């Protein structure tokens, strides 16, 4: 797993905030990047780099979970919503760690994400 200190400073500063502090526009920004299915695996952790990898990293590991999310119009939003309801102490940092684990550095270093989280 990548060293958390390699995350951009705005993300580190907000990683301890509760996940519920992440607004709808930021969640949709994540979904915009994660909803398109990708067939390639992350180079070092061998995880899918789309909503399926995020689901796995957030604890949704059964095939039935994946199949159910796949039926939704916006699987990333569904995953984040259910995960946050099941984990009331979830933080923004938990999602950032999941994105790091699936090696979606393009999202982690996306300026619009920094701005949205920093609001």
PDB file of N, CA and C in Angstrom:
ATOM      1  N   UNK A   1       0.845  -1.171   0.000  1.00  0.00           N
ATOM      2  CA  UNK A   1       0.000   0.000   0.000  1.00  0.00           C
ATOM      3  C   UNK A   1       0.890   1.235   0.000  1.00  0.00           C
ATOM      4  N   UNK A   2       0.436   2.261  -0.687  1.00  0.00           N
ATOM      5  CA  UNK A   2       1.199   3.500  -0.769  1.00  0.00           C
ATOM      6  C   UNK A   2       1.276   4.177   0.597  1.00  0.00           C
ATOM      7  N   UNK A   3       2.342   4.870   0.807  1.00  0.00           N
ATOM      8  CA  UNK A   3       2.549   5.615   2.039  1.00  0.00           C
ATOM      9  C   UNK A   3       1.530   6.761   2.092  1.00  0.00           C
ATOM     10  N   UNK A   4       0.688   6.837   3.170  1.00  0.00           N
ATOM     11  CA  UNK A   4      -0.307   7.907   3.260  1.00  0.00           C
ATOM     12  C   UNK A   4       0.304   9.299   3.195  1.00  0.00           C
ATOM     13  N   UNK A   5       1.565   9.435   3.580  1.00  0.00           N
ATOM     14  CA  UNK A   5       2.182  10.757   3.532  1.00  0.00           C
ATOM     15  C   UNK A   5       2.393  11.222   2.089  1.00  0.00           C
ATOM     16  N   UNK A   6       2.224  10.310   1.123  1.00  0.00           N
ATOM     17  CA  UNK A   6       2.357  10.709  -0.273  1.00  0.00           C
ATOM     18  C   UNK A   6       1.074  11.336  -0.812  1.00  0.00           C
ATOM     19  N   UNK A   7       0.012  11.323  -0.002  1.00  0.00           N
ATOM     20  CA  UNK A   7      -1.223  11.972  -0.423  1.00  0.00           C
ATOM     21  C   UNK A   7      -1.033  13.483  -0.430  1.00  0.00           C
ATOM     22  N   UNK A   8      -1.737  14.173  -1.309  1.00  0.00           N
ATOM     23  CA  UNK A   8      -1.656  15.636  -1.313  1.00  0.00           C
ATOM     24  C   UNK A   8      -2.093  16.205   0.036  1.00  0.00           C
ATOM     25  N   UNK A   9      -1.455  17.276   0.459  1.00  0.00           N
ATOM     26  CA  UNK A   9      -1.701  17.881   1.769  1.00  0.00           C
ATOM     27  C   UNK A   9      -3.178  18.178   2.028  1.00  0.00           C
ATOM     28  N   UNK A  10      -3.948  18.759   1.093  1.00  0.00           N
ATOM     29  CA  UNK A  10      -5.355  19.026   1.396  1.00  0.00           C
ATOM     30  C   UNK A  10      -6.123  17.771   1.775  1.00  0.00           C
ATOM     31  N   UNK A  11      -5.759  16.633   1.202  1.00  0.00           N
ATOM     32  CA  UNK A  11      -6.462  15.403   1.536  1.00  0.00           C
ATOM     33  C   UNK A  11      -6.061  14.889   2.907  1.00  0.00           C
ATOM     34  N   UNK A  12      -4.785  14.978   3.248  1.00  0.00           N
ATOM     35  CA  UNK A  12      -4.319  14.539   4.565  1.00  0.00           C
ATOM     36  C   UNK A  12      -4.998  15.354   5.656  1.00  0.00           C
ATOM     37  N   UNK A  13      -5.128  16.655   5.456  1.00  0.00           N
ATOM     38  CA  UNK A  13      -5.706  17.551   6.467  1.00  0.00           C
ATOM     39  C   UNK A  13      -7.161  17.219   6.765  1.00  0.00           C
ATOM     40  N   UNK A  14      -7.850  16.616   5.814  1.00  0.00           N
ATOM     41  CA  UNK A  14      -9.272  16.342   5.990  1.00  0.00           C
ATOM     42  C   UNK A  14      -9.573  14.858   6.181  1.00  0.00           C
ATOM     43  N   UNK A  15      -8.564  14.029   6.281  1.00  0.00           N
ATOM     44  CA  UNK A  15      -8.788  12.589   6.319  1.00  0.00           C
ATOM     45  C   UNK A  15      -9.469  12.099   7.591  1.00  0.00           C
ATOM     46  N   UNK A  16      -9.393  12.856   8.680  1.00  0.00           N
ATOM     47  CA  UNK A  16     -10.037  12.443   9.924  1.00  0.00           C
ATOM     48  C   UNK A  16     -11.486  12.912  10.029  1.00  0.00           C
ATOM     49  N   UNK A  17     -11.938  13.686   9.058  1.00  0.00           N
ATOM     50  CA  UNK A  17     -13.330  14.144   9.084  1.00  0.00           C
ATOM     51  C   UNK A  17     -14.271  12.971   8.864  1.00  0.00           C
ATOM     52  N   UNK A  18     -15.444  13.020   9.486  1.00  0.00           N
ATOM     53  CA  UNK A  18     -16.418  11.947   9.245  1.00  0.00           C
ATOM     54  C   UNK A  18     -16.813  11.917   7.769  1.00  0.00           C
ATOM     55  N   UNK A  19     -17.079  10.726   7.277  1.00  0.00           N
ATOM     56  CA  UNK A  19     -17.444  10.594   5.875  1.00  0.00           C
ATOM     57  C   UNK A  19     -18.703  11.397   5.553  1.00  0.00           C
ATOM     58  N   UNK A  20     -19.609  11.517   6.511  1.00  0.00           N
ATOM     59  CA  UNK A  20     -20.850  12.257   6.258  1.00  0.00           C
ATOM     60  C   UNK A  20     -20.578  13.726   5.927  1.00  0.00           C
ATOM     61  N   UNK A  21     -19.377  14.221   6.215  1.00  0.00           N
ATOM     62  CA  UNK A  21     -19.020  15.603   5.878  1.00  0.00           C
ATOM     63  C   UNK A  21     -18.740  15.766   4.388  1.00  0.00           C
ATOM     64  N   UNK A  22     -18.593  14.656   3.684  1.00  0.00           N
ATOM     65  CA  UNK A  22     -18.339  14.702   2.247  1.00  0.00           C
ATOM     66  C   UNK A  22     -19.658  14.964   1.536  1.00  0.00           C
ATOM     67  N   UNK A  23     -19.750  16.102   0.878  1.00  0.00           N
ATOM     68  CA  UNK A  23     -21.000  16.517   0.252  1.00  0.00           C
ATOM     69  C   UNK A  23     -21.370  15.705  -0.975  1.00  0.00           C
ATOM     70  N   UNK A  24     -22.622  15.852  -1.414  1.00  0.00           N
ATOM     71  CA  UNK A  24     -23.106  15.118  -2.583  1.00  0.00           C
ATOM     72  C   UNK A  24     -22.304  15.402  -3.847  1.00  0.00           C
ATOM     73  N   UNK A  25     -21.868  16.639  -4.035  1.00  0.00           N
ATOM     74  CA  UNK A  25     -21.122  16.941  -5.258  1.00  0.00           C
ATOM     75  C   UNK A  25     -19.777  16.201  -5.277  1.00  0.00           C
ATOM     76  N   UNK A  26     -19.150  16.047  -4.124  1.00  0.00           N
ATOM     77  CA  UNK A  26     -17.883  15.317  -4.059  1.00  0.00           C
ATOM     78  C   UNK A  26     -18.112  13.826  -4.274  1.00  0.00           C
ATOM     79  N   UNK A  27     -19.182  13.301  -3.714  1.00  0.00           N
ATOM     80  CA  UNK A  27     -19.510  11.888  -3.927  1.00  0.00           C
ATOM     81  C   UNK A  27     -19.772  11.621  -5.409  1.00  0.00           C
ATOM     82  N   UNK A  28     -20.469  12.545  -6.056  1.00  0.00           N
ATOM     83  CA  UNK A  28     -20.744  12.381  -7.493  1.00  0.00           C
ATOM     84  C   UNK A  28     -19.471  12.521  -8.318  1.00  0.00           C
ATOM     85  N   UNK A  29     -18.549  13.345  -7.861  1.00  0.00           N
ATOM     86  CA  UNK A  29     -17.253  13.458  -8.539  1.00  0.00           C
ATOM     87  C   UNK A  29     -16.505  12.124  -8.466  1.00  0.00           C
ATOM     88  N   UNK A  30     -16.525  11.496  -7.313  1.00  0.00           N
ATOM     89  CA  UNK A  30     -15.919  10.173  -7.172  1.00  0.00           C
ATOM     90  C   UNK A  30     -16.610   9.168  -8.097  1.00  0.00           C
ATOM     91  N   UNK A  31     -17.931   9.223  -8.116  1.00  0.00           N
ATOM     92  CA  UNK A  31     -18.699   8.297  -8.962  1.00  0.00           C
ATOM     93  C   UNK A  31     -18.381   8.502 -10.439  1.00  0.00           C
ATOM     94  N   UNK A  32     -18.211   9.747 -10.841  1.00  0.00           N
ATOM     95  CA  UNK A  32     -17.904  10.043 -12.239  1.00  0.00           C
ATOM     96  C   UNK A  32     -16.619   9.333 -12.667  1.00  0.00           C
ATOM     97  N   UNK A  33     -15.673   9.223 -11.748  1.00  0.00           N
ATOM     98  CA  UNK A  33     -14.400   8.559 -12.041  1.00  0.00           C
ATOM     99  C   UNK A  33     -14.464   7.038 -11.864  1.00  0.00           C
ATOM    100  N   UNK A  34     -15.266   6.571 -10.906  1.00  0.00           N
ATOM    101  CA  UNK A  34     -15.249   5.149 -10.560  1.00  0.00           C
ATOM    102  C   UNK A  34     -16.326   4.316 -11.241  1.00  0.00           C
ATOM    103  N   UNK A  35     -17.409   4.926 -11.689  1.00  0.00           N
ATOM    104  CA  UNK A  35     -18.494   4.139 -12.285  1.00  0.00           C
ATOM    105  C   UNK A  35     -18.106   3.443 -13.591  1.00  0.00           C
ATOM    106  N   UNK A  36     -17.331   4.052 -14.473  1.00  0.00           N
ATOM    107  CA  UNK A  36     -16.962   3.306 -15.690  1.00  0.00           C
ATOM    108  C   UNK A  36     -16.128   2.073 -15.325  1.00  0.00           C
ATOM    109  N   UNK A  37     -16.569   0.916 -15.810  1.00  0.00           N
ATOM    110  CA  UNK A  37     -15.838  -0.321 -15.508  1.00  0.00           C
ATOM    111  C   UNK A  37     -14.482  -0.311 -16.204  1.00  0.00           C
ATOM    112  N   UNK A  38     -13.492  -0.778 -15.476  1.00  0.00           N
ATOM    113  CA  UNK A  38     -12.128  -0.938 -16.000  1.00  0.00           C
ATOM    114  C   UNK A  38     -11.771  -2.413 -15.908  1.00  0.00           C
ATOM    115  N   UNK A  39     -11.154  -2.913 -16.942  1.00  0.00           N
ATOM    116  CA  UNK A  39     -10.806  -4.333 -16.927  1.00  0.00           C
ATOM    117  C   UNK A  39      -9.424  -4.596 -16.329  1.00  0.00           C
ATOM    118  N   UNK A  40      -8.574  -3.570 -16.308  1.00  0.00           N
ATOM    119  CA  UNK A  40      -7.227  -3.801 -15.794  1.00  0.00           C
ATOM    120  C   UNK A  40      -7.207  -3.766 -14.264  1.00  0.00           C
ATOM    121  N   UNK A  41      -6.240  -4.499 -13.740  1.00  0.00           N
ATOM    122  CA  UNK A  41      -6.035  -4.531 -12.299  1.00  0.00           C
ATOM    123  C   UNK A  41      -4.958  -3.530 -11.929  1.00  0.00           C
ATOM    124  N   UNK A  42      -5.001  -3.075 -10.681  1.00  0.00           N
ATOM    125  CA  UNK A  42      -3.943  -2.180 -10.209  1.00  0.00           C
ATOM    126  C   UNK A  42      -2.620  -2.932 -10.269  1.00  0.00           C
ATOM    127  N   UNK A  43      -1.550  -2.213 -10.598  1.00  0.00           N
ATOM    128  CA  UNK A  43      -0.277  -2.897 -10.864  1.00  0.00           C
ATOM    129  C   UNK A  43       0.357  -3.615  -9.683  1.00  0.00           C
ATOM    130  N   UNK A  44       0.172  -3.136  -8.470  1.00  0.00           N
ATOM    131  CA  UNK A  44       0.854  -3.793  -7.346  1.00  0.00           C
ATOM    132  C   UNK A  44      -0.095  -4.507  -6.389  1.00  0.00           C
ATOM    133  N   UNK A  45      -1.349  -4.067  -6.282  1.00  0.00           N
ATOM    134  CA  UNK A  45      -2.273  -4.726  -5.354  1.00  0.00           C
ATOM    135  C   UNK A  45      -3.245  -5.668  -6.065  1.00  0.00           C
ATOM    136  N   UNK A  46      -3.239  -5.632  -7.396  1.00  0.00           N
ATOM    137  CA  UNK A  46      -4.087  -6.509  -8.209  1.00  0.00           C
ATOM    138  C   UNK A  46      -5.567  -6.388  -7.868  1.00  0.00           C
ATOM    139  N   UNK A  47      -6.005  -5.158  -7.691  1.00  0.00           N
ATOM    140  CA  UNK A  47      -7.413  -4.858  -7.441  1.00  0.00           C
ATOM    141  C   UNK A  47      -8.003  -4.197  -8.680  1.00  0.00           C
ATOM    142  N   UNK A  48      -9.296  -4.411  -8.880  1.00  0.00           N
ATOM    143  CA  UNK A  48      -9.979  -3.677  -9.936  1.00  0.00           C
ATOM    144  C   UNK A  48      -9.949  -2.199  -9.591  1.00  0.00           C
ATOM    145  N   UNK A  49      -9.829  -1.347 -10.584  1.00  0.00           N
ATOM    146  CA  UNK A  49      -9.657   0.081 -10.341  1.00  0.00           C
ATOM    147  C   UNK A  49     -10.919   0.892 -10.614  1.00  0.00           C
ATOM    148  N   UNK A  50     -12.062   0.286 -10.374  1.00  0.00           N
ATOM    149  CA  UNK A  50     -13.330   0.981 -10.564  1.00  0.00           C
ATOM    150  C   UNK A  50     -14.173   0.782  -9.311  1.00  0.00           C
ATOM    151  N   UNK A  51     -15.483   0.969  -9.434  1.00  0.00           N
ATOM    152  CA  UNK A  51     -16.365   0.850  -8.267  1.00  0.00           C
ATOM    153  C   UNK A  51     -16.277  -0.538  -7.625  1.00  0.00           C
ATOM    154  N   UNK A  52     -15.960  -1.568  -8.420  1.00  0.00           N
ATOM    155  CA  UNK A  52     -15.853  -2.927  -7.865  1.00  0.00           C
ATOM    156  C   UNK A  52     -14.668  -3.042  -6.913  1.00  0.00           C
ATOM    157  N   UNK A  53     -13.557  -2.409  -7.267  1.00  0.00           N
ATOM    158  CA  UNK A  53     -12.404  -2.401  -6.363  1.00  0.00           C
ATOM    159  C   UNK A  53     -12.697  -1.611  -5.108  1.00  0.00           C
ATOM    160  N   UNK A  54     -13.380  -0.474  -5.267  1.00  0.00           N
ATOM    161  CA  UNK A  54     -13.766   0.324  -4.098  1.00  0.00           C
ATOM    162  C   UNK A  54     -14.661  -0.504  -3.180  1.00  0.00           C
ATOM    163  N   UNK A  55     -15.640  -1.192  -3.763  1.00  0.00           N
ATOM    164  CA  UNK A  55     -16.546  -2.019  -2.964  1.00  0.00           C
ATOM    165  C   UNK A  55     -15.767  -3.057  -2.164  1.00  0.00           C
ATOM    166  N   UNK A  56     -14.826  -3.714  -2.820  1.00  0.00           N
ATOM    167  CA  UNK A  56     -14.028  -4.731  -2.139  1.00  0.00           C
ATOM    168  C   UNK A  56     -13.235  -4.121  -0.990  1.00  0.00           C
ATOM    169  N   UNK A  57     -12.604  -2.983  -1.249  1.00  0.00           N
ATOM    170  CA  UNK A  57     -11.797  -2.331  -0.205  1.00  0.00           C
ATOM    171  C   UNK A  57     -12.645  -1.847   0.962  1.00  0.00           C
ATOM    172  N   UNK A  58     -13.910  -1.543   0.702  1.00  0.00           N
ATOM    173  CA  UNK A  58     -14.789  -1.078   1.777  1.00  0.00           C
ATOM    174  C   UNK A  58     -15.537  -2.230   2.442  1.00  0.00           C
ATOM    175  N   UNK A  59     -15.190  -3.470   2.071  1.00  0.00           N
ATOM    176  CA  UNK A  59     -15.722  -4.627   2.779  1.00  0.00           C
ATOM    177  C   UNK A  59     -16.838  -5.381   2.094  1.00  0.00           C
ATOM    178  N   UNK A  60     -17.227  -4.989   0.902  1.00  0.00           N
ATOM    179  CA  UNK A  60     -18.264  -5.697   0.162  1.00  0.00           C
ATOM    180  C   UNK A  60     -17.588  -6.722  -0.739  1.00  0.00           C
ATOM    181  N   UNK A  61     -17.365  -7.901  -0.198  1.00  0.00           N
ATOM    182  CA  UNK A  61     -16.522  -8.878  -0.887  1.00  0.00           C
ATOM    183  C   UNK A  61     -17.288 -10.033  -1.527  1.00  0.00           C
ATOM    184  N   UNK A  62     -18.573 -10.164  -1.246  1.00  0.00           N
ATOM    185  CA  UNK A  62     -19.302 -11.292  -1.834  1.00  0.00           C
ATOM    186  C   UNK A  62     -19.743 -10.954  -3.255  1.00  0.00           C
ATOM    187  N   UNK A  63     -19.859 -11.973  -4.065  1.00  0.00           N
ATOM    188  CA  UNK A  63     -20.300 -11.787  -5.443  1.00  0.00           C
ATOM    189  C   UNK A  63     -21.713 -11.232  -5.490  1.00  0.00           C
ATOM    190  N   UNK A  64     -22.553 -11.595  -4.538  1.00  0.00           N
ATOM    191  CA  UNK A  64     -23.929 -11.079  -4.527  1.00  0.00           C
ATOM    192  C   UNK A  64     -23.937  -9.569  -4.291  1.00  0.00           C
ATOM    193  N   UNK A  65     -23.000  -9.085  -3.448  1.00  0.00           N
ATOM    194  CA  UNK A  65     -22.883  -7.634  -3.258  1.00  0.00           C
ATOM    195  C   UNK A  65     -22.556  -6.961  -4.585  1.00  0.00           C
ATOM    196  N   UNK A  66     -21.554  -7.493  -5.266  1.00  0.00           N
ATOM    197  CA  UNK A  66     -21.128  -6.910  -6.541  1.00  0.00           C
ATOM    198  C   UNK A  66     -22.262  -6.967  -7.555  1.00  0.00           C
ATOM    199  N   UNK A  67     -22.940  -8.108  -7.634  1.00  0.00           N
ATOM    200  CA  UNK A  67     -24.050  -8.245  -8.580  1.00  0.00           C
ATOM    201  C   UNK A  67     -25.160  -7.246  -8.290  1.00  0.00           C
ATOM    202  N   UNK A  68     -25.469  -7.044  -7.015  1.00  0.00           N
ATOM    203  CA  UNK A  68     -26.513  -6.078  -6.652  1.00  0.00           C
ATOM    204  C   UNK A  68     -26.104  -4.651  -6.982  1.00  0.00           C
ATOM    205  N   UNK A  69     -24.874  -4.284  -6.671  1.00  0.00           N
ATOM    206  CA  UNK A  69     -24.398  -2.939  -7.010  1.00  0.00           C
ATOM    207  C   UNK A  69     -24.387  -2.738  -8.524  1.00  0.00           C
ATOM    208  N   UNK A  70     -24.075  -3.787  -9.250  1.00  0.00           N
ATOM    209  CA  UNK A  70     -24.005  -3.703 -10.709  1.00  0.00           C
ATOM    210  C   UNK A  70     -25.361  -3.390 -11.331  1.00  0.00           C
ATOM    211  N   UNK A  71     -26.427  -3.700 -10.638  1.00  0.00           N
ATOM    212  CA  UNK A  71     -27.779  -3.431 -11.131  1.00  0.00           C
ATOM    213  C   UNK A  71     -28.209  -1.974 -10.935  1.00  0.00           C
ATOM    214  N   UNK A  72     -27.441  -1.225 -10.175  1.00  0.00           N
ATOM    215  CA  UNK A  72     -27.793   0.161  -9.857  1.00  0.00           C
ATOM    216  C   UNK A  72     -27.312   1.113 -10.944  1.00  0.00           C
ATOM    217  N   UNK A  73     -28.027   2.224 -11.093  1.00  0.00           N
ATOM    218  CA  UNK A  73     -27.620   3.241 -12.066  1.00  0.00           C
ATOM    219  C   UNK A  73     -26.292   3.889 -11.687  1.00  0.00           C
ATOM    220  N   UNK A  74     -26.058   4.020 -10.376  1.00  0.00           N
ATOM    221  CA  UNK A  74     -24.855   4.680  -9.895  1.00  0.00           C
ATOM    222  C   UNK A  74     -24.233   3.824  -8.783  1.00  0.00           C
ATOM    223  N   UNK A  75     -23.485   2.785  -9.164  1.00  0.00           N
ATOM    224  CA  UNK A  75     -22.982   1.862  -8.140  1.00  0.00           C
ATOM    225  C   UNK A  75     -22.087   2.517  -7.092  1.00  0.00           C
ATOM    226  N   UNK A  76     -21.277   3.487  -7.477  1.00  0.00           N
ATOM    227  CA  UNK A  76     -20.384   4.124  -6.503  1.00  0.00           C
ATOM    228  C   UNK A  76     -21.189   4.821  -5.411  1.00  0.00           C
ATOM    229  N   UNK A  77     -22.217   5.550  -5.797  1.00  0.00           N
ATOM    230  CA  UNK A  77     -23.060   6.239  -4.811  1.00  0.00           C
ATOM    231  C   UNK A  77     -23.742   5.226  -3.898  1.00  0.00           C
ATOM    232  N   UNK A  78     -24.214   4.136  -4.471  1.00  0.00           N
ATOM    233  CA  UNK A  78     -24.854   3.079  -3.671  1.00  0.00           C
ATOM    234  C   UNK A  78     -23.874   2.472  -2.669  1.00  0.00           C
ATOM    235  N   UNK A  79     -22.666   2.189  -3.136  1.00  0.00           N
ATOM    236  CA  UNK A  79     -21.631   1.612  -2.259  1.00  0.00           C
ATOM    237  C   UNK A  79     -21.321   2.559  -1.112  1.00  0.00           C
ATOM    238  N   UNK A  80     -21.053   3.816  -1.444  1.00  0.00           N
ATOM    239  CA  UNK A  80     -20.694   4.787  -0.407  1.00  0.00           C
ATOM    240  C   UNK A  80     -21.833   5.001   0.579  1.00  0.00           C
ATOM    241  N   UNK A  81     -23.065   5.035   0.072  1.00  0.00           N
ATOM    242  CA  UNK A  81     -24.215   5.227   0.947  1.00  0.00           C
ATOM    243  C   UNK A  81     -24.403   4.076   1.914  1.00  0.00           C
ATOM    244  N   UNK A  82     -24.390   2.856   1.399  1.00  0.00           N
ATOM    245  CA  UNK A  82     -24.567   1.690   2.260  1.00  0.00           C
ATOM    246  C   UNK A  82     -23.404   1.550   3.231  1.00  0.00           C
ATOM    247  N   UNK A  83     -22.200   1.738   2.727  1.00  0.00           N
ATOM    248  CA  UNK A  83     -21.013   1.628   3.586  1.00  0.00           C
ATOM    249  C   UNK A  83     -21.070   2.625   4.738  1.00  0.00           C
ATOM    250  N   UNK A  84     -21.456   3.865   4.445  1.00  0.00           N
ATOM    251  CA  UNK A  84     -21.495   4.875   5.512  1.00  0.00           C
ATOM    252  C   UNK A  84     -22.607   4.588   6.524  1.00  0.00           C
ATOM    253  N   UNK A  85     -23.712   3.990   6.076  1.00  0.00           N
ATOM    254  CA  UNK A  85     -24.776   3.619   7.017  1.00  0.00           C
ATOM    255  C   UNK A  85     -24.334   2.453   7.909  1.00  0.00           C
ATOM    256  N   UNK A  86     -23.587   1.523   7.333  1.00  0.00           N
ATOM    257  CA  UNK A  86     -23.116   0.369   8.107  1.00  0.00           C
ATOM    258  C   UNK A  86     -21.939   0.713   9.015  1.00  0.00           C
ATOM    259  N   UNK A  87     -21.254   1.811   8.717  1.00  0.00           N
ATOM    260  CA  UNK A  87     -20.056   2.226   9.461  1.00  0.00           C
ATOM    261  C   UNK A  87     -20.200   3.678   9.903  1.00  0.00           C
ATOM    262  N   UNK A  88     -20.950   3.922  10.975  1.00  0.00           N
ATOM    263  CA  UNK A  88     -21.199   5.308  11.385  1.00  0.00           C
ATOM    264  C   UNK A  88     -19.941   6.098  11.748  1.00  0.00           C
ATOM    265  N   UNK A  89     -18.841   5.423  12.025  1.00  0.00           N
ATOM    266  CA  UNK A  89     -17.592   6.113  12.359  1.00  0.00           C
ATOM    267  C   UNK A  89     -16.664   6.236  11.155  1.00  0.00           C
ATOM    268  N   UNK A  90     -17.190   5.982   9.973  1.00  0.00           N
ATOM    269  CA  UNK A  90     -16.387   6.053   8.753  1.00  0.00           C
ATOM    270  C   UNK A  90     -15.852   7.467   8.553  1.00  0.00           C
ATOM    271  N   UNK A  91     -14.646   7.548   7.997  1.00  0.00           N
ATOM    272  CA  UNK A  91     -14.017   8.847   7.754  1.00  0.00           C
ATOM    273  C   UNK A  91     -13.683   9.010   6.270  1.00  0.00           C
ATOM    274  N   UNK A  92     -13.423  10.240   5.907  1.00  0.00           N
ATOM    275  CA  UNK A  92     -12.952  10.529   4.554  1.00  0.00           C
ATOM    276  C   UNK A  92     -11.643   9.774   4.312  1.00  0.00           C
ATOM    277  N   UNK A  93     -10.827   9.685   5.334  1.00  0.00           N
ATOM    278  CA  UNK A  93      -9.561   8.964   5.229  1.00  0.00           C
ATOM    279  C   UNK A  93      -9.741   7.500   4.854  1.00  0.00           C
ATOM    280  N   UNK A  94     -10.829   6.879   5.317  1.00  0.00           N
ATOM    281  CA  UNK A  94     -11.094   5.489   4.946  1.00  0.00           C
ATOM    282  C   UNK A  94     -11.275   5.359   3.436  1.00  0.00           C
ATOM    283  N   UNK A  95     -11.979   6.303   2.844  1.00  0.00           N
ATOM    284  CA  UNK A  95     -12.187   6.283   1.386  1.00  0.00           C
ATOM    285  C   UNK A  95     -10.877   6.577   0.671  1.00  0.00           C
ATOM    286  N   UNK A  96     -10.109   7.527   1.190  1.00  0.00           N
ATOM    287  CA  UNK A  96      -8.819   7.849   0.574  1.00  0.00           C
ATOM    288  C   UNK A  96      -7.886   6.638   0.607  1.00  0.00           C
ATOM    289  N   UNK A  97      -7.904   5.900   1.716  1.00  0.00           N
ATOM    290  CA  UNK A  97      -7.084   4.690   1.810  1.00  0.00           C
ATOM    291  C   UNK A  97      -7.552   3.637   0.803  1.00  0.00           C
ATOM    292  N   UNK A  98      -8.860   3.513   0.634  1.00  0.00           N
ATOM    293  CA  UNK A  98      -9.385   2.557  -0.349  1.00  0.00           C
ATOM    294  C   UNK A  98      -8.952   2.952  -1.760  1.00  0.00           C
ATOM    295  N   UNK A  99      -9.019   4.246  -2.064  1.00  0.00           N
ATOM    296  CA  UNK A  99      -8.566   4.718  -3.386  1.00  0.00           C
ATOM    297  C   UNK A  99      -7.072   4.474  -3.575  1.00  0.00           C
ATOM    298  N   UNK A 100      -6.313   4.606  -2.500  1.00  0.00           N
ATOM    299  CA  UNK A 100      -4.883   4.329  -2.565  1.00  0.00           C
ATOM    300  C   UNK A 100      -4.656   2.839  -2.815  1.00  0.00           C
ATOM    301  N   UNK A 101      -5.419   2.013  -2.147  1.00  0.00           N
ATOM    302  CA  UNK A 101      -5.250   0.561  -2.288  1.00  0.00           C
ATOM    303  C   UNK A 101      -5.588   0.083  -3.700  1.00  0.00           C
ATOM    304  N   UNK A 102      -6.573   0.713  -4.340  1.00  0.00           N
ATOM    305  CA  UNK A 102      -6.892   0.317  -5.723  1.00  0.00           C
ATOM    306  C   UNK A 102      -6.064   1.126  -6.726  1.00  0.00           C
ATOM    307  N   UNK A 103      -5.154   1.914  -6.189  1.00  0.00           N
ATOM    308  CA  UNK A 103      -4.177   2.681  -6.969  1.00  0.00           C
ATOM    309  C   UNK A 103      -4.833   3.645  -7.967  1.00  0.00           C
ATOM    310  N   UNK A 104      -5.820   4.388  -7.474  1.00  0.00           N
ATOM    311  CA  UNK A 104      -6.451   5.407  -8.301  1.00  0.00           C
ATOM    312  C   UNK A 104      -5.862   6.769  -7.960  1.00  0.00           C
ATOM    313  N   UNK A 105      -4.580   6.900  -8.263  1.00  0.00           N
ATOM    314  CA  UNK A 105      -3.852   8.131  -7.976  1.00  0.00           C
ATOM    315  C   UNK A 105      -4.362   9.283  -8.829  1.00  0.00           C
ATOM    316  N   UNK A 106      -4.955   8.960  -9.988  1.00  0.00           N
ATOM    317  CA  UNK A 106      -5.536  10.016 -10.811  1.00  0.00           C
ATOM    318  C   UNK A 106      -6.645  10.737 -10.053  1.00  0.00           C
ATOM    319  N   UNK A 107      -7.395  10.008  -9.249  1.00  0.00           N
ATOM    320  CA  UNK A 107      -8.459  10.621  -8.445  1.00  0.00           C
ATOM    321  C   UNK A 107      -7.845  11.347  -7.251  1.00  0.00           C
ATOM    322  N   UNK A 108      -6.910  10.706  -6.581  1.00  0.00           N
ATOM    323  CA  UNK A 108      -6.294  11.292  -5.386  1.00  0.00           C
ATOM    324  C   UNK A 108      -5.557  12.594  -5.684  1.00  0.00           C
ATOM    325  N   UNK A 109      -5.066  12.740  -6.898  1.00  0.00           N
ATOM    326  CA  UNK A 109      -4.326  13.948  -7.268  1.00  0.00           C
ATOM    327  C   UNK A 109      -5.145  14.889  -8.146  1.00  0.00           C
ATOM    328  N   UNK A 110      -6.444  14.652  -8.218  1.00  0.00           N
ATOM    329  CA  UNK A 110      -7.331  15.479  -9.050  1.00  0.00           C
ATOM    330  C   UNK A 110      -7.658  16.768  -8.294  1.00  0.00           C
ATOM    331  N   UNK A 111      -7.311  17.905  -8.880  1.00  0.00           N
ATOM    332  CA  UNK A 111      -7.480  19.197  -8.206  1.00  0.00           C
ATOM    333  C   UNK A 111      -8.911  19.458  -7.768  1.00  0.00           C
ATOM    334  N   UNK A 112      -9.884  19.035  -8.573  1.00  0.00           N
ATOM    335  CA  UNK A 112     -11.294  19.276  -8.211  1.00  0.00           C
ATOM    336  C   UNK A 112     -11.669  18.499  -6.935  1.00  0.00           C
ATOM    337  N   UNK A 113     -11.060  17.349  -6.741  1.00  0.00           N
ATOM    338  CA  UNK A 113     -11.324  16.601  -5.511  1.00  0.00           C
ATOM    339  C   UNK A 113     -10.752  17.337  -4.308  1.00  0.00           C
ATOM    340  N   UNK A 114      -9.547  17.865  -4.450  1.00  0.00           N
ATOM    341  CA  UNK A 114      -8.938  18.638  -3.353  1.00  0.00           C
ATOM    342  C   UNK A 114      -9.831  19.821  -2.992  1.00  0.00           C
ATOM    343  N   UNK A 115     -10.305  20.530  -4.006  1.00  0.00           N
ATOM    344  CA  UNK A 115     -11.152  21.691  -3.757  1.00  0.00           C
ATOM    345  C   UNK A 115     -12.455  21.290  -3.093  1.00  0.00           C
ATOM    346  N   UNK A 116     -13.052  20.189  -3.549  1.00  0.00           N
ATOM    347  CA  UNK A 116     -14.335  19.750  -2.986  1.00  0.00           C
ATOM    348  C   UNK A 116     -14.186  19.296  -1.548  1.00  0.00           C
ATOM    349  N   UNK A 117     -13.124  18.573  -1.231  1.00  0.00           N
ATOM    350  CA  UNK A 117     -12.913  18.108   0.137  1.00  0.00           C
ATOM    351  C   UNK A 117     -12.528  19.274   1.030  1.00  0.00           C
ATOM    352  N   UNK A 118     -11.836  20.238   0.513  1.00  0.00           N
ATOM    353  CA  UNK A 118     -11.399  21.381   1.300  1.00  0.00           C
ATOM    354  C   UNK A 118     -12.497  22.380   1.614  1.00  0.00           C
ATOM    355  N   UNK A 119     -13.679  22.199   1.013  1.00  0.00           N
ATOM    356  CA  UNK A 119     -14.758  23.175   1.252  1.00  0.00           C
ATOM    357  C   UNK A 119     -15.259  23.131   2.667  1.00  0.00           C
TER     358      UNK A 119
END
